[in-house]
Amino acid sequence: MAFESEKIMFEIYRDTLYNQNFRVVYYTELNEHNKHEEINRAMSGEHYYDGFIKDYKKEEAKQIIQNIINDLNEGKSVAPGEIKEMLKNYIP
């Protein structure tokens, strides 16, 4: 049984230093090896959306987030409200 406290914090942001592509970082899944680099990259980018997903069925939620990233990088418009709606079944 999954607990409500088992959640993953994430952020969708635009990489403003390199190629202007949208990226996602899952903060609570970072380890000592990559956390400083990933956090610095996200902090230097342009914030777009952040939130939490349940650890339970996280792979399904991550696939939805990846699809959103792909759409944004293809120039499609995906408003933050739409993201929240797409992830509603995965938000704690």
C-alpha atoms as a PDB file:
ATOM      1  CA  MET A   1       0.000   0.000   0.000  1.00  0.00           C
ATOM      2  CA  ALA A   2       1.413   3.412  -1.008  1.00  0.00           C
ATOM      3  CA  PHE A   3       1.408   6.271   1.453  1.00  0.00           C
ATOM      4  CA  GLU A   4       0.364   9.785   0.517  1.00  0.00           C
ATOM      5  CA  SER A   5       3.789  10.986   1.644  1.00  0.00           C
ATOM      6  CA  GLU A   6       5.470   8.910  -1.069  1.00  0.00           C
ATOM      7  CA  LYS A   7       5.661  11.533  -3.793  1.00  0.00           C
ATOM      8  CA  ILE A   8       8.127  12.911  -6.284  1.00  0.00           C
ATOM      9  CA  MET A   9       8.762  16.626  -6.706  1.00  0.00           C
ATOM     10  CA  PHE A  10       9.394  17.765 -10.276  1.00  0.00           C
ATOM     11  CA  GLU A  11       9.796  20.897 -12.357  1.00  0.00           C
ATOM     12  CA  ILE A  12       9.351  21.584 -16.045  1.00  0.00           C
ATOM     13  CA  TYR A  13      11.582  24.407 -17.212  1.00  0.00           C
ATOM     14  CA  ARG A  14      13.060  25.898 -20.360  1.00  0.00           C
ATOM     15  CA  ASP A  15      16.820  25.579 -20.689  1.00  0.00           C
ATOM     16  CA  THR A  16      17.887  29.169 -21.385  1.00  0.00           C
ATOM     17  CA  LEU A  17      21.632  28.481 -21.440  1.00  0.00           C
ATOM     18  CA  TYR A  18      21.930  26.039 -24.320  1.00  0.00           C
ATOM     19  CA  ASN A  19      19.141  25.268 -26.752  1.00  0.00           C
ATOM     20  CA  GLN A  20      15.915  26.766 -25.345  1.00  0.00           C
ATOM     21  CA  ASN A  21      14.409  23.266 -25.062  1.00  0.00           C
ATOM     22  CA  PHE A  22      12.040  22.327 -22.294  1.00  0.00           C
ATOM     23  CA  ARG A  23      13.317  19.816 -19.754  1.00  0.00           C
ATOM     24  CA  VAL A  24      12.101  18.125 -16.600  1.00  0.00           C
ATOM     25  CA  VAL A  25      13.949  17.473 -13.385  1.00  0.00           C
ATOM     26  CA  TYR A  26      12.700  15.087 -10.686  1.00  0.00           C
ATOM     27  CA  TYR A  27      14.220  16.675  -7.604  1.00  0.00           C
ATOM     28  CA  THR A  28      13.446  13.926  -5.116  1.00  0.00           C
ATOM     29  CA  GLU A  29      15.100  11.319  -7.333  1.00  0.00           C
ATOM     30  CA  LEU A  30      18.439  13.100  -7.637  1.00  0.00           C
ATOM     31  CA  ASN A  31      21.475  11.570  -5.973  1.00  0.00           C
ATOM     32  CA  GLU A  32      24.759  13.005  -4.739  1.00  0.00           C
ATOM     33  CA  HIS A  33      26.355  12.393  -8.116  1.00  0.00           C
ATOM     34  CA  ASN A  34      23.993  14.577 -10.163  1.00  0.00           C
ATOM     35  CA  LYS A  35      21.981  16.772  -7.825  1.00  0.00           C
ATOM     36  CA  HIS A  36      24.103  19.934  -7.923  1.00  0.00           C
ATOM     37  CA  GLU A  37      24.390  19.974 -11.712  1.00  0.00           C
ATOM     38  CA  GLU A  38      20.690  19.276 -12.283  1.00  0.00           C
ATOM     39  CA  ILE A  39      19.506  21.789  -9.694  1.00  0.00           C
ATOM     40  CA  ASN A  40      21.818  24.490 -11.064  1.00  0.00           C
ATOM     41  CA  ARG A  41      20.613  23.814 -14.607  1.00  0.00           C
ATOM     42  CA  ALA A  42      16.974  24.058 -13.554  1.00  0.00           C
ATOM     43  CA  MET A  43      17.568  27.184 -11.472  1.00  0.00           C
ATOM     44  CA  SER A  44      19.235  28.958 -14.388  1.00  0.00           C
ATOM     45  CA  GLY A  45      16.346  28.027 -16.673  1.00  0.00           C
ATOM     46  CA  GLU A  46      12.922  29.559 -17.090  1.00  0.00           C
ATOM     47  CA  HIS A  47      10.339  27.969 -14.785  1.00  0.00           C
ATOM     48  CA  TYR A  48       7.241  26.620 -16.530  1.00  0.00           C
ATOM     49  CA  TYR A  49       5.449  24.198 -14.176  1.00  0.00           C
ATOM     50  CA  ASP A  50       6.184  22.332 -10.966  1.00  0.00           C
ATOM     51  CA  GLY A  51       4.430  19.944  -8.688  1.00  0.00           C
ATOM     52  CA  PHE A  52       4.356  16.484  -7.214  1.00  0.00           C
ATOM     53  CA  ILE A  53       3.395  13.110  -8.592  1.00  0.00           C
ATOM     54  CA  LYS A  54       2.580  10.027  -6.584  1.00  0.00           C
ATOM     55  CA  ASP A  55       5.362   7.488  -6.356  1.00  0.00           C
ATOM     56  CA  TYR A  56       2.701   4.875  -7.078  1.00  0.00           C
ATOM     57  CA  LYS A  57       2.359   4.640 -10.885  1.00  0.00           C
ATOM     58  CA  LYS A  58       5.144   7.173 -11.327  1.00  0.00           C
ATOM     59  CA  GLU A  59       6.230   5.632 -14.640  1.00  0.00           C
ATOM     60  CA  GLU A  60       2.827   6.419 -16.154  1.00  0.00           C
ATOM     61  CA  ALA A  61       3.017   9.993 -14.860  1.00  0.00           C
ATOM     62  CA  LYS A  62       6.571  10.394 -16.151  1.00  0.00           C
ATOM     63  CA  GLN A  63       5.458   9.260 -19.604  1.00  0.00           C
ATOM     64  CA  ILE A  64       2.734  11.919 -19.594  1.00  0.00           C
ATOM     65  CA  ILE A  65       5.296  14.521 -18.535  1.00  0.00           C
ATOM     66  CA  GLN A  66       7.682  13.384 -21.276  1.00  0.00           C
ATOM     67  CA  ASN A  67       4.884  13.702 -23.830  1.00  0.00           C
ATOM     68  CA  ILE A  68       4.242  17.245 -22.576  1.00  0.00           C
ATOM     69  CA  ILE A  69       7.963  18.062 -22.912  1.00  0.00           C
ATOM     70  CA  ASN A  70       7.953  16.671 -26.461  1.00  0.00           C
ATOM     71  CA  ASP A  71       4.907  18.760 -27.388  1.00  0.00           C
ATOM     72  CA  LEU A  72       6.432  21.926 -25.926  1.00  0.00           C
ATOM     73  CA  ASN A  73       9.692  21.328 -27.771  1.00  0.00           C
ATOM     74  CA  GLU A  74       7.763  20.858 -31.011  1.00  0.00           C
ATOM     75  CA  GLY A  75       6.247  24.303 -30.520  1.00  0.00           C
ATOM     76  CA  LYS A  76       2.828  23.141 -29.395  1.00  0.00           C
ATOM     77  CA  SER A  77       1.062  25.144 -26.715  1.00  0.00           C
ATOM     78  CA  VAL A  78       0.473  23.312 -23.441  1.00  0.00           C
ATOM     79  CA  ALA A  79      -0.792  25.626 -20.707  1.00  0.00           C
ATOM     80  CA  PRO A  80       0.015  24.912 -17.057  1.00  0.00           C
ATOM     81  CA  GLY A  81      -3.689  24.304 -16.402  1.00  0.00           C
ATOM     82  CA  GLU A  82      -3.686  21.625 -19.083  1.00  0.00           C
ATOM     83  CA  ILE A  83      -0.668  19.965 -17.472  1.00  0.00           C
ATOM     84  CA  LYS A  84      -2.449  19.873 -14.121  1.00  0.00           C
ATOM     85  CA  GLU A  85      -5.491  18.314 -15.778  1.00  0.00           C
ATOM     86  CA  MET A  86      -3.388  15.683 -17.579  1.00  0.00           C
ATOM     87  CA  LEU A  87      -1.702  14.718 -14.306  1.00  0.00           C
ATOM     88  CA  LYS A  88      -4.776  14.896 -12.057  1.00  0.00           C
ATOM     89  CA  ASN A  89      -4.833  11.138 -11.428  1.00  0.00           C
ATOM     90  CA  TYR A  90      -1.167  11.183 -10.387  1.00  0.00           C
ATOM     91  CA  ILE A  91      -1.093  14.235  -8.120  1.00  0.00           C
ATOM     92  CA  PRO A  92      -1.076  13.428  -4.396  1.00  0.00           C
END
